[in-house]
Full PDB file with SEQRES, HELIX, SHEET, SSBOND, CRYST1, ORIGX, SCALE, CONECT and MASTER records, all heavy atoms in Angstrom:
SEQRES   1 A   41  ILE GLY PRO ASN GLY ALA GLY LYS THR THR LEU PHE ASN          
SEQRES   2 A   41  VAL PHE THR GLY LEU TYR GLU PRO GLU ALA GLY GLU VAL          
SEQRES   3 A   41  THR PHE ARG GLY ARG SER LEU VAL GLY LEU ARG PRO ASP          
SEQRES   4 A   41  GLN ILE                                                      
HELIX    1 AA1 LYS A    8  PHE A   15  1                                   8    
SHEET    1 AA1 2 THR A  27  PHE A  28  0                                        
SHEET    2 AA1 2 ARG A  31  SER A  32 -1                                        
CRYST1    1.000    1.000    1.000  90.00  90.00  90.00 P 1           1          
ORIGX1      1.000000  0.000000  0.000000        0.00000                         
ORIGX2      0.000000  1.000000  0.000000        0.00000                         
ORIGX3      0.000000  0.000000  1.000000        0.00000                         
SCALE1      1.000000  0.000000  0.000000        0.00000                         
SCALE2      0.000000  1.000000  0.000000        0.00000                         
SCALE3      0.000000  0.000000  1.000000        0.00000                         
ATOM      1  N   ILE A   1     -51.840  47.554  76.794  1.00  0.00           N  
ATOM      2  CA  ILE A   1     -51.571  47.550  75.369  1.00  0.00           C  
ATOM      3  C   ILE A   1     -50.145  48.014  75.117  1.00  0.00           C  
ATOM      4  O   ILE A   1     -49.462  48.500  76.019  1.00  0.00           O  
ATOM      5  CB  ILE A   1     -52.574  48.436  74.592  1.00  0.00           C  
ATOM      6  CG1 ILE A   1     -52.388  49.916  74.968  1.00  0.00           C  
ATOM      7  CG2 ILE A   1     -54.004  47.996  74.866  1.00  0.00           C  
ATOM      8  CD1 ILE A   1     -53.221  50.868  74.108  1.00  0.00           C  
ATOM      9  N   GLY A   2     -49.728  47.879  73.876  1.00  0.00           N  
ATOM     10  CA  GLY A   2     -48.397  48.313  73.483  1.00  0.00           C  
ATOM     11  C   GLY A   2     -47.967  47.605  72.223  1.00  0.00           C  
ATOM     12  O   GLY A   2     -48.536  46.571  71.860  1.00  0.00           O  
ATOM     13  N   PRO A   3     -46.964  48.124  71.529  1.00  0.00           N  
ATOM     14  CA  PRO A   3     -46.478  47.487  70.304  1.00  0.00           C  
ATOM     15  C   PRO A   3     -45.926  46.091  70.592  1.00  0.00           C  
ATOM     16  O   PRO A   3     -45.664  45.728  71.744  1.00  0.00           O  
ATOM     17  CB  PRO A   3     -45.366  48.435  69.828  1.00  0.00           C  
ATOM     18  CG  PRO A   3     -45.563  49.701  70.584  1.00  0.00           C  
ATOM     19  CD  PRO A   3     -46.217  49.339  71.875  1.00  0.00           C  
ATOM     20  N   ASN A   4     -45.741  45.309  69.552  1.00  0.00           N  
ATOM     21  CA  ASN A   4     -45.101  44.006  69.715  1.00  0.00           C  
ATOM     22  C   ASN A   4     -43.743  44.172  70.384  1.00  0.00           C  
ATOM     23  O   ASN A   4     -42.972  45.067  70.033  1.00  0.00           O  
ATOM     24  CB  ASN A   4     -44.924  43.328  68.356  1.00  0.00           C  
ATOM     25  CG  ASN A   4     -46.244  42.880  67.760  1.00  0.00           C  
ATOM     26  OD1 ASN A   4     -47.191  42.593  68.485  1.00  0.00           O  
ATOM     27  ND2 ASN A   4     -46.314  42.827  66.438  1.00  0.00           N  
ATOM     28  N   GLY A   5     -43.461  43.308  71.353  1.00  0.00           N  
ATOM     29  CA  GLY A   5     -42.185  43.380  72.055  1.00  0.00           C  
ATOM     30  C   GLY A   5     -42.153  44.400  73.179  1.00  0.00           C  
ATOM     31  O   GLY A   5     -41.088  44.649  73.761  1.00  0.00           O  
ATOM     32  N   ALA A   6     -43.309  44.976  73.515  1.00  0.00           N  
ATOM     33  CA  ALA A   6     -43.339  46.006  74.558  1.00  0.00           C  
ATOM     34  C   ALA A   6     -43.172  45.438  75.954  1.00  0.00           C  
ATOM     35  O   ALA A   6     -42.874  46.175  76.895  1.00  0.00           O  
ATOM     36  CB  ALA A   6     -44.647  46.792  74.470  1.00  0.00           C  
ATOM     37  N   GLY A   7     -43.394  44.111  76.125  1.00  0.00           N  
ATOM     38  CA  GLY A   7     -43.234  43.496  77.442  1.00  0.00           C  
ATOM     39  C   GLY A   7     -44.535  43.088  78.099  1.00  0.00           C  
ATOM     40  O   GLY A   7     -44.547  42.710  79.273  1.00  0.00           O  
ATOM     41  N   LYS A   8     -45.631  43.116  77.350  1.00  0.00           N  
ATOM     42  CA  LYS A   8     -46.952  42.851  77.938  1.00  0.00           C  
ATOM     43  C   LYS A   8     -47.057  41.429  78.488  1.00  0.00           C  
ATOM     44  O   LYS A   8     -47.436  41.216  79.648  1.00  0.00           O  
ATOM     45  CB  LYS A   8     -48.040  43.090  76.882  1.00  0.00           C  
ATOM     46  CG  LYS A   8     -48.005  44.474  76.256  1.00  0.00           C  
ATOM     47  CD  LYS A   8     -49.122  44.678  75.254  1.00  0.00           C  
ATOM     48  CE  LYS A   8     -49.018  43.765  74.036  1.00  0.00           C  
ATOM     49  NZ  LYS A   8     -47.811  44.027  73.217  1.00  0.00           N  
ATOM     50  N   THR A   9     -46.734  40.428  77.662  1.00  0.00           N  
ATOM     51  CA  THR A   9     -46.853  39.042  78.110  1.00  0.00           C  
ATOM     52  C   THR A   9     -45.834  38.727  79.191  1.00  0.00           C  
ATOM     53  O   THR A   9     -46.111  37.961  80.128  1.00  0.00           O  
ATOM     54  CB  THR A   9     -46.709  38.080  76.923  1.00  0.00           C  
ATOM     55  OG1 THR A   9     -47.806  38.298  76.015  1.00  0.00           O  
ATOM     56  CG2 THR A   9     -46.745  36.627  77.377  1.00  0.00           C  
ATOM     57  N   THR A  10     -44.647  39.318  79.101  1.00  0.00           N  
ATOM     58  CA  THR A  10     -43.651  39.137  80.165  1.00  0.00           C  
ATOM     59  C   THR A  10     -44.203  39.626  81.500  1.00  0.00           C  
ATOM     60  O   THR A  10     -44.040  38.964  82.533  1.00  0.00           O  
ATOM     61  CB  THR A  10     -42.356  39.884  79.828  1.00  0.00           C  
ATOM     62  OG1 THR A  10     -41.796  39.352  78.622  1.00  0.00           O  
ATOM     63  CG2 THR A  10     -41.330  39.754  80.947  1.00  0.00           C  
ATOM     64  N   LEU A  11     -44.878  40.763  81.473  1.00  0.00           N  
ATOM     65  CA  LEU A  11     -45.466  41.289  82.707  1.00  0.00           C  
ATOM     66  C   LEU A  11     -46.548  40.345  83.227  1.00  0.00           C  
ATOM     67  O   LEU A  11     -46.599  40.059  84.436  1.00  0.00           O  
ATOM     68  CB  LEU A  11     -46.053  42.672  82.448  1.00  0.00           C  
ATOM     69  CG  LEU A  11     -46.474  43.479  83.682  1.00  0.00           C  
ATOM     70  CD1 LEU A  11     -45.282  43.729  84.598  1.00  0.00           C  
ATOM     71  CD2 LEU A  11     -47.108  44.802  83.263  1.00  0.00           C  
ATOM     72  N   PHE A  12     -47.383  39.825  82.340  1.00  0.00           N  
ATOM     73  CA  PHE A  12     -48.379  38.829  82.745  1.00  0.00           C  
ATOM     74  C   PHE A  12     -47.710  37.616  83.386  1.00  0.00           C  
ATOM     75  O   PHE A  12     -48.197  37.078  84.387  1.00  0.00           O  
ATOM     76  CB  PHE A  12     -49.176  38.372  81.517  1.00  0.00           C  
ATOM     77  CG  PHE A  12     -50.571  38.935  81.445  1.00  0.00           C  
ATOM     78  CD1 PHE A  12     -50.838  40.232  81.841  1.00  0.00           C  
ATOM     79  CD2 PHE A  12     -51.615  38.177  80.962  1.00  0.00           C  
ATOM     80  CE1 PHE A  12     -52.117  40.762  81.766  1.00  0.00           C  
ATOM     81  CE2 PHE A  12     -52.905  38.689  80.881  1.00  0.00           C  
ATOM     82  CZ  PHE A  12     -53.152  39.981  81.284  1.00  0.00           C  
ATOM     83  N   ASN A  13     -46.617  37.172  82.791  1.00  0.00           N  
ATOM     84  CA  ASN A  13     -45.916  35.996  83.318  1.00  0.00           C  
ATOM     85  C   ASN A  13     -45.328  36.250  84.693  1.00  0.00           C  
ATOM     86  O   ASN A  13     -45.269  35.337  85.529  1.00  0.00           O  
ATOM     87  CB  ASN A  13     -44.821  35.560  82.341  1.00  0.00           C  
ATOM     88  CG  ASN A  13     -45.375  34.935  81.072  1.00  0.00           C  
ATOM     89  OD1 ASN A  13     -46.518  34.498  81.032  1.00  0.00           O  
ATOM     90  ND2 ASN A  13     -44.561  34.884  80.033  1.00  0.00           N  
ATOM     91  N   VAL A  14     -44.917  37.482  84.955  1.00  0.00           N  
ATOM     92  CA  VAL A  14     -44.466  37.847  86.302  1.00  0.00           C  
ATOM     93  C   VAL A  14     -45.653  37.853  87.258  1.00  0.00           C  
ATOM     94  O   VAL A  14     -45.577  37.311  88.373  1.00  0.00           O  
ATOM     95  CB  VAL A  14     -43.769  39.221  86.291  1.00  0.00           C  
ATOM     96  CG1 VAL A  14     -43.516  39.702  87.730  1.00  0.00           C  
ATOM     97  CG2 VAL A  14     -42.441  39.153  85.538  1.00  0.00           C  
ATOM     98  N   PHE A  15     -46.762  38.437  86.818  1.00  0.00           N  
ATOM     99  CA  PHE A  15     -47.943  38.519  87.682  1.00  0.00           C  
ATOM    100  C   PHE A  15     -48.441  37.133  88.102  1.00  0.00           C  
ATOM    101  O   PHE A  15     -48.966  36.968  89.203  1.00  0.00           O  
ATOM    102  CB  PHE A  15     -49.074  39.243  86.951  1.00  0.00           C  
ATOM    103  CG  PHE A  15     -48.885  40.724  86.782  1.00  0.00           C  
ATOM    104  CD1 PHE A  15     -49.757  41.450  85.980  1.00  0.00           C  
ATOM    105  CD2 PHE A  15     -47.858  41.401  87.424  1.00  0.00           C  
ATOM    106  CE1 PHE A  15     -49.611  42.818  85.824  1.00  0.00           C  
ATOM    107  CE2 PHE A  15     -47.688  42.774  87.271  1.00  0.00           C  
ATOM    108  CZ  PHE A  15     -48.574  43.477  86.466  1.00  0.00           C  
ATOM    109  N   THR A  16     -48.298  36.137  87.215  1.00  0.00           N  
ATOM    110  CA  THR A  16     -48.898  34.824  87.464  1.00  0.00           C  
ATOM    111  C   THR A  16     -47.883  33.748  87.837  1.00  0.00           C  
ATOM    112  O   THR A  16     -48.206  32.566  87.837  1.00  0.00           O  
ATOM    113  CB  THR A  16     -49.709  34.377  86.239  1.00  0.00           C  
ATOM    114  OG1 THR A  16     -48.878  34.400  85.071  1.00  0.00           O  
ATOM    115  CG2 THR A  16     -50.903  35.288  86.020  1.00  0.00           C  
ATOM    116  N   GLY A  17     -46.652  34.140  88.145  1.00  0.00           N  
ATOM    117  CA  GLY A  17     -45.690  33.208  88.698  1.00  0.00           C  
ATOM    118  C   GLY A  17     -44.889  32.390  87.700  1.00  0.00           C  
ATOM    119  O   GLY A  17     -44.098  31.538  88.102  1.00  0.00           O  
ATOM    120  N   LEU A  18     -45.058  32.630  86.399  1.00  0.00           N  
ATOM    121  CA  LEU A  18     -44.236  31.917  85.424  1.00  0.00           C  
ATOM    122  C   LEU A  18     -42.811  32.454  85.410  1.00  0.00           C  
ATOM    123  O   LEU A  18     -41.868  31.720  85.127  1.00  0.00           O  
ATOM    124  CB  LEU A  18     -44.857  32.022  84.028  1.00  0.00           C  
ATOM    125  CG  LEU A  18     -46.178  31.263  83.827  1.00  0.00           C  
ATOM    126  CD1 LEU A  18     -46.745  31.547  82.448  1.00  0.00           C  
ATOM    127  CD2 LEU A  18     -45.965  29.757  84.008  1.00  0.00           C  
ATOM    128  N   TYR A  19     -42.662  33.746  85.663  1.00  0.00           N  
ATOM    129  CA  TYR A  19     -41.344  34.366  85.811  1.00  0.00           C  
ATOM    130  C   TYR A  19     -41.250  34.996  87.192  1.00  0.00           C  
ATOM    131  O   TYR A  19     -42.242  35.508  87.716  1.00  0.00           O  
ATOM    132  CB  TYR A  19     -41.123  35.470  84.784  1.00  0.00           C  
ATOM    133  CG  TYR A  19     -41.100  35.057  83.338  1.00  0.00           C  
ATOM    134  CD1 TYR A  19     -41.415  35.981  82.345  1.00  0.00           C  
ATOM    135  CD2 TYR A  19     -40.767  33.759  82.942  1.00  0.00           C  
ATOM    136  CE1 TYR A  19     -41.393  35.635  81.005  1.00  0.00           C  
ATOM    137  CE2 TYR A  19     -40.749  33.401  81.608  1.00  0.00           C  
ATOM    138  CZ  TYR A  19     -41.064  34.340  80.639  1.00  0.00           C  
ATOM    139  OH  TYR A  19     -41.043  33.991  79.310  1.00  0.00           O  
ATOM    140  N   GLU A  20     -40.051  34.989  87.749  1.00  0.00           N  
ATOM    141  CA  GLU A  20     -39.801  35.709  88.995  1.00  0.00           C  
ATOM    142  C   GLU A  20     -39.007  36.968  88.666  1.00  0.00           C  
ATOM    143  O   GLU A  20     -37.999  36.899  87.972  1.00  0.00           O  
ATOM    144  CB  GLU A  20     -39.025  34.839  89.976  1.00  0.00           C  
ATOM    145  CG  GLU A  20     -38.881  35.477  91.350  1.00  0.00           C  
ATOM    146  CD  GLU A  20     -38.419  34.485  92.415  1.00  0.00           C  
ATOM    147  OE1 GLU A  20     -38.561  33.262  92.192  1.00  0.00           O  
ATOM    148  OE2 GLU A  20     -37.912  34.944  93.454  1.00  0.00           O  
ATOM    149  N   PRO A  21     -39.454  38.125  89.116  1.00  0.00           N  
ATOM    150  CA  PRO A  21     -38.769  39.365  88.759  1.00  0.00           C  
ATOM    151  C   PRO A  21     -37.434  39.509  89.468  1.00  0.00           C  
ATOM    152  O   PRO A  21     -37.230  38.973  90.561  1.00  0.00           O  
ATOM    153  CB  PRO A  21     -39.751  40.449  89.212  1.00  0.00           C  
ATOM    154  CG  PRO A  21     -40.471  39.815  90.358  1.00  0.00           C  
ATOM    155  CD  PRO A  21     -40.610  38.362  89.996  1.00  0.00           C  
ATOM    156  N   GLU A  22     -36.522  40.236  88.824  1.00  0.00           N  
ATOM    157  CA  GLU A  22     -35.246  40.566  89.473  1.00  0.00           C  
ATOM    158  C   GLU A  22     -35.444  41.611  90.567  1.00  0.00           C  
ATOM    159  O   GLU A  22     -34.663  41.684  91.525  1.00  0.00           O  
ATOM    160  CB  GLU A  22     -34.237  41.085  88.439  1.00  0.00           C  
ATOM    161  CG  GLU A  22     -33.438  39.995  87.730  1.00  0.00           C  
ATOM    162  CD  GLU A  22     -34.300  39.206  86.758  1.00  0.00           C  
ATOM    163  OE1 GLU A  22     -35.180  39.791  86.093  1.00  0.00           O  
ATOM    164  OE2 GLU A  22     -34.101  37.973  86.667  1.00  0.00           O  
ATOM    165  N   ALA A  23     -36.453  42.439  90.403  1.00  0.00           N  
ATOM    166  CA  ALA A  23     -36.748  43.471  91.403  1.00  0.00           C  
ATOM    167  C   ALA A  23     -38.246  43.722  91.406  1.00  0.00           C  
ATOM    168  O   ALA A  23     -38.934  43.486  90.415  1.00  0.00           O  
ATOM    169  CB  ALA A  23     -35.981  44.755  91.095  1.00  0.00           C  
ATOM    170  N   GLY A  24     -38.733  44.201  92.534  1.00  0.00           N  
ATOM    171  CA  GLY A  24     -40.140  44.566  92.626  1.00  0.00           C  
ATOM    172  C   GLY A  24     -40.962  43.594  93.448  1.00  0.00           C  
ATOM    173  O   GLY A  24     -40.494  42.535  93.856  1.00  0.00           O  
ATOM    174  N   GLU A  25     -42.199  43.962  93.678  1.00  0.00           N  
ATOM    175  CA  GLU A  25     -43.114  43.181  94.499  1.00  0.00           C  
ATOM    176  C   GLU A  25     -44.470  43.097  93.813  1.00  0.00           C  
ATOM    177  O   GLU A  25     -44.924  44.043  93.174  1.00  0.00           O  
ATOM    178  CB  GLU A  25     -43.272  43.839  95.876  1.00  0.00           C  
ATOM    179  CG  GLU A  25     -44.136  43.072  96.857  1.00  0.00           C  
ATOM    180  CD  GLU A  25     -43.594  41.694  97.183  1.00  0.00           C  
ATOM    181  OE1 GLU A  25     -42.780  41.563  98.111  1.00  0.00           O  
ATOM    182  OE2 GLU A  25     -43.998  40.749  96.480  1.00  0.00           O  
ATOM    183  N   VAL A  26     -45.110  41.930  93.944  1.00  0.00           N  
ATOM    184  CA  VAL A  26     -46.460  41.711  93.430  1.00  0.00           C  
ATOM    185  C   VAL A  26     -47.302  41.181  94.581  1.00  0.00           C  
ATOM    186  O   VAL A  26     -46.927  40.197  95.221  1.00  0.00           O  
ATOM    187  CB  VAL A  26     -46.473  40.696  92.267  1.00  0.00           C  
ATOM    188  CG1 VAL A  26     -47.899  40.517  91.738  1.00  0.00           C  
ATOM    189  CG2 VAL A  26     -45.538  41.118  91.152  1.00  0.00           C  
ATOM    190  N   THR A  27     -48.428  41.836  94.843  1.00  0.00           N  
ATOM    191  CA  THR A  27     -49.282  41.386  95.933  1.00  0.00           C  
ATOM    192  C   THR A  27     -50.719  41.245  95.444  1.00  0.00           C  
ATOM    193  O   THR A  27     -51.184  41.981  94.566  1.00  0.00           O  
ATOM    194  CB  THR A  27     -49.258  42.347  97.130  1.00  0.00           C  
ATOM    195  OG1 THR A  27     -49.738  43.633  96.721  1.00  0.00           O  
ATOM    196  CG2 THR A  27     -47.858  42.487  97.695  1.00  0.00           C  
ATOM    197  N   PHE A  28     -51.435  40.299  96.036  1.00  0.00           N  
ATOM    198  CA  PHE A  28     -52.847  40.082  95.773  1.00  0.00           C  
ATOM    199  C   PHE A  28     -53.551  39.967  97.114  1.00  0.00           C  
ATOM    200  O   PHE A  28     -53.192  39.134  97.940  1.00  0.00           O  
ATOM    201  CB  PHE A  28     -53.052  38.804  94.949  1.00  0.00           C  
ATOM    202  CG  PHE A  28     -54.484  38.444  94.710  1.00  0.00           C  
ATOM    203  CD1 PHE A  28     -55.264  39.213  93.863  1.00  0.00           C  
ATOM    204  CD2 PHE A  28     -55.057  37.343  95.339  1.00  0.00           C  
ATOM    205  CE1 PHE A  28     -56.599  38.895  93.635  1.00  0.00           C  
ATOM    206  CE2 PHE A  28     -56.384  37.005  95.117  1.00  0.00           C  
ATOM    207  CZ  PHE A  28     -57.158  37.782  94.264  1.00  0.00           C  
ATOM    208  N   ARG A  29     -54.511  40.853  97.338  1.00  0.00           N  
ATOM    209  CA  ARG A  29     -55.181  40.940  98.634  1.00  0.00           C  
ATOM    210  C   ARG A  29     -54.170  41.083  99.770  1.00  0.00           C  
ATOM    211  O   ARG A  29     -54.320  40.520 100.854  1.00  0.00           O  
ATOM    212  CB  ARG A  29     -56.082  39.729  98.858  1.00  0.00           C  
ATOM    213  CG  ARG A  29     -57.311  39.722  97.967  1.00  0.00           C  
ATOM    214  CD  ARG A  29     -58.099  38.434  98.081  1.00  0.00           C  
ATOM    215  NE  ARG A  29     -59.407  38.539  97.425  1.00  0.00           N  
ATOM    216  CZ  ARG A  29     -60.165  37.509  97.098  1.00  0.00           C  
ATOM    217  NH1 ARG A  29     -59.756  36.271  97.364  1.00  0.00           N  
ATOM    218  NH2 ARG A  29     -61.318  37.672  96.504  1.00  0.00           N  
ATOM    219  N   GLY A  30     -53.114  41.842  99.487  1.00  0.00           N  
ATOM    220  CA  GLY A  30     -52.097  42.127 100.471  1.00  0.00           C  
ATOM    221  C   GLY A  30     -51.052  41.051 100.667  1.00  0.00           C  
ATOM    222  O   GLY A  30     -50.116  41.224 101.453  1.00  0.00           O  
ATOM    223  N   ARG A  31     -51.158  39.939  99.946  1.00  0.00           N  
ATOM    224  CA  ARG A  31     -50.212  38.832 100.095  1.00  0.00           C  
ATOM    225  C   ARG A  31     -49.243  38.798  98.920  1.00  0.00           C  
ATOM    226  O   ARG A  31     -49.657  38.913  97.763  1.00  0.00           O  
ATOM    227  CB  ARG A  31     -50.950  37.500 100.176  1.00  0.00           C  
ATOM    228  CG  ARG A  31     -50.019  36.296 100.225  1.00  0.00           C  
ATOM    229  CD  ARG A  31     -50.742  35.014 100.514  1.00  0.00           C  
ATOM    230  NE  ARG A  31     -49.837  33.864 100.465  1.00  0.00           N  
ATOM    231  CZ  ARG A  31     -50.185  32.625 100.789  1.00  0.00           C  
ATOM    232  NH1 ARG A  31     -51.424  32.367 101.173  1.00  0.00           N  
ATOM    233  NH2 ARG A  31     -49.311  31.644 100.727  1.00  0.00           N  
ATOM    234  N   SER A  32     -47.968  38.622  99.196  1.00  0.00           N  
ATOM    235  CA  SER A  32     -46.970  38.586  98.138  1.00  0.00           C  
ATOM    236  C   SER A  32     -47.134  37.341  97.268  1.00  0.00           C  
ATOM    237  O   SER A  32     -47.336  36.234  97.769  1.00  0.00           O  
ATOM    238  CB  SER A  32     -45.557  38.594  98.733  1.00  0.00           C  
ATOM    239  OG  SER A  32     -44.591  38.454  97.702  1.00  0.00           O  
ATOM    240  N   LEU A  33     -47.039  37.536  95.948  1.00  0.00           N  
ATOM    241  CA  LEU A  33     -47.097  36.424  95.008  1.00  0.00           C  
ATOM    242  C   LEU A  33     -45.720  36.021  94.494  1.00  0.00           C  
ATOM    243  O   LEU A  33     -45.592  34.972  93.855  1.00  0.00           O  
ATOM    244  CB  LEU A  33     -47.980  36.802  93.803  1.00  0.00           C  
ATOM    245  CG  LEU A  33     -49.426  37.207  94.080  1.00  0.00           C  
ATOM    246  CD1 LEU A  33     -50.160  37.452  92.774  1.00  0.00           C  
ATOM    247  CD2 LEU A  33     -50.144  36.150  94.919  1.00  0.00           C  
ATOM    248  N   VAL A  34     -44.719  36.833  94.743  1.00  0.00           N  
ATOM    249  CA  VAL A  34     -43.373  36.555  94.238  1.00  0.00           C  
ATOM    250  C   VAL A  34     -42.825  35.284  94.881  1.00  0.00           C  
ATOM    251  O   VAL A  34     -42.841  35.136  96.109  1.00  0.00           O  
ATOM    252  CB  VAL A  34     -42.421  37.743  94.493  1.00  0.00           C  
ATOM    253  CG1 VAL A  34     -40.993  37.384  94.060  1.00  0.00           C  
ATOM    254  CG2 VAL A  34     -42.900  38.975  93.747  1.00  0.00           C  
ATOM    255  N   GLY A  35     -42.386  34.367  94.050  1.00  0.00           N  
ATOM    256  CA  GLY A  35     -41.836  33.111  94.541  1.00  0.00           C  
ATOM    257  C   GLY A  35     -42.853  31.989  94.627  1.00  0.00           C  
ATOM    258  O   GLY A  35     -42.474  30.834  94.843  1.00  0.00           O  
ATOM    259  N   LEU A  36     -44.146  32.310  94.451  1.00  0.00           N  
ATOM    260  CA  LEU A  36     -45.166  31.264  94.460  1.00  0.00           C  
ATOM    261  C   LEU A  36     -45.268  30.603  93.090  1.00  0.00           C  
ATOM    262  O   LEU A  36     -45.031  31.225  92.064  1.00  0.00           O  
ATOM    263  CB  LEU A  36     -46.531  31.837  94.840  1.00  0.00           C  
ATOM    264  CG  LEU A  36     -46.683  32.450  96.234  1.00  0.00           C  
ATOM    265  CD1 LEU A  36     -48.118  32.892  96.458  1.00  0.00           C  
ATOM    266  CD2 LEU A  36     -46.254  31.460  97.317  1.00  0.00           C  
ATOM    267  N   ARG A  37     -45.669  29.328  93.086  1.00  0.00           N  
ATOM    268  CA  ARG A  37     -45.898  28.624  91.828  1.00  0.00           C  
ATOM    269  C   ARG A  37     -47.216  29.102  91.204  1.00  0.00           C  
ATOM    270  O   ARG A  37     -48.109  29.576  91.922  1.00  0.00           O  
ATOM    271  CB  ARG A  37     -45.973  27.116  92.061  1.00  0.00           C  
ATOM    272  CG  ARG A  37     -44.719  26.490  92.653  1.00  0.00           C  
ATOM    273  CD  ARG A  37     -44.867  24.962  92.642  1.00  0.00           C  
ATOM    274  NE  ARG A  37     -46.131  24.522  93.214  1.00  0.00           N  
ATOM    275  CZ  ARG A  37     -46.310  24.216  94.498  1.00  0.00           C  
ATOM    276  NH1 ARG A  37     -45.292  24.304  95.344  1.00  0.00           N  
ATOM    277  NH2 ARG A  37     -47.496  23.805  94.938  1.00  0.00           N  
ATOM    278  N   PRO A  38     -47.356  28.946  89.884  1.00  0.00           N  
ATOM    279  CA  PRO A  38     -48.621  29.341  89.239  1.00  0.00           C  
ATOM    280  C   PRO A  38     -49.848  28.691  89.860  1.00  0.00           C  
ATOM    281  O   PRO A  38     -50.892  29.340  90.014  1.00  0.00           O  
ATOM    282  CB  PRO A  38     -48.419  28.903  87.787  1.00  0.00           C  
ATOM    283  CG  PRO A  38     -46.943  28.999  87.570  1.00  0.00           C  
ATOM    284  CD  PRO A  38     -46.336  28.569  88.880  1.00  0.00           C  
ATOM    285  N   ASP A  39     -49.761  27.402  90.237  1.00  0.00           N  
ATOM    286  CA  ASP A  39     -50.926  26.746  90.824  1.00  0.00           C  
ATOM    287  C   ASP A  39     -51.262  27.325  92.193  1.00  0.00           C  
ATOM    288  O   ASP A  39     -52.443  27.401  92.574  1.00  0.00           O  
ATOM    289  CB  ASP A  39     -50.688  25.227  90.918  1.00  0.00           C  
ATOM    290  CG  ASP A  39     -49.532  24.872  91.837  1.00  0.00           C  
ATOM    291  OD1 ASP A  39     -48.387  25.260  91.515  1.00  0.00           O  
ATOM    292  OD2 ASP A  39     -49.753  24.205  92.867  1.00  0.00           O  
ATOM    293  N   GLN A  40     -50.243  27.759  92.940  1.00  0.00           N  
ATOM    294  CA  GLN A  40     -50.498  28.386  94.229  1.00  0.00           C  
ATOM    295  C   GLN A  40     -51.186  29.740  94.053  1.00  0.00           C  
ATOM    296  O   GLN A  40     -52.071  30.104  94.825  1.00  0.00           O  
ATOM    297  CB  GLN A  40     -49.182  28.549  94.998  1.00  0.00           C  
ATOM    298  CG  GLN A  40     -48.553  27.234  95.424  1.00  0.00           C  
ATOM    299  CD  GLN A  40     -47.171  27.420  96.042  1.00  0.00           C  
ATOM    300  OE1 GLN A  40     -46.363  28.210  95.541  1.00  0.00           O  
ATOM    301  NE2 GLN A  40     -46.911  26.697  97.120  1.00  0.00           N  
ATOM    302  N   ILE A  41     -50.762  30.472  93.025  1.00  0.00           N  
ATOM    303  CA  ILE A  41     -51.375  31.768  92.729  1.00  0.00           C  
ATOM    304  C   ILE A  41     -52.820  31.579  92.281  1.00  0.00           C  
ATOM    305  O   ILE A  41     -53.713  32.330  92.682  1.00  0.00           O  
ATOM    306  CB  ILE A  41     -50.535  32.514  91.673  1.00  0.00           C  
ATOM    307  CG1 ILE A  41     -49.175  32.896  92.277  1.00  0.00           C  
ATOM    308  CG2 ILE A  41     -51.266  33.745  91.154  1.00  0.00           C  
ATOM    309  CD1 ILE A  41     -48.213  33.519  91.298  1.00  0.00           C  
TER     310      ILE A  41                                                      
MASTER        0    0    0    1    2    0    0    6  309    1    0    4          
END                                                                             
């Protein structure tokens, strides 16, 4: 949760491959999701 503009949907978009982060790592079941397409995720 958070106020409008807090970054919630942006974070979702990073989690699901719509955006690639400038820094950081996202893993699912120990596998990196960064750089994968949404359909691959």
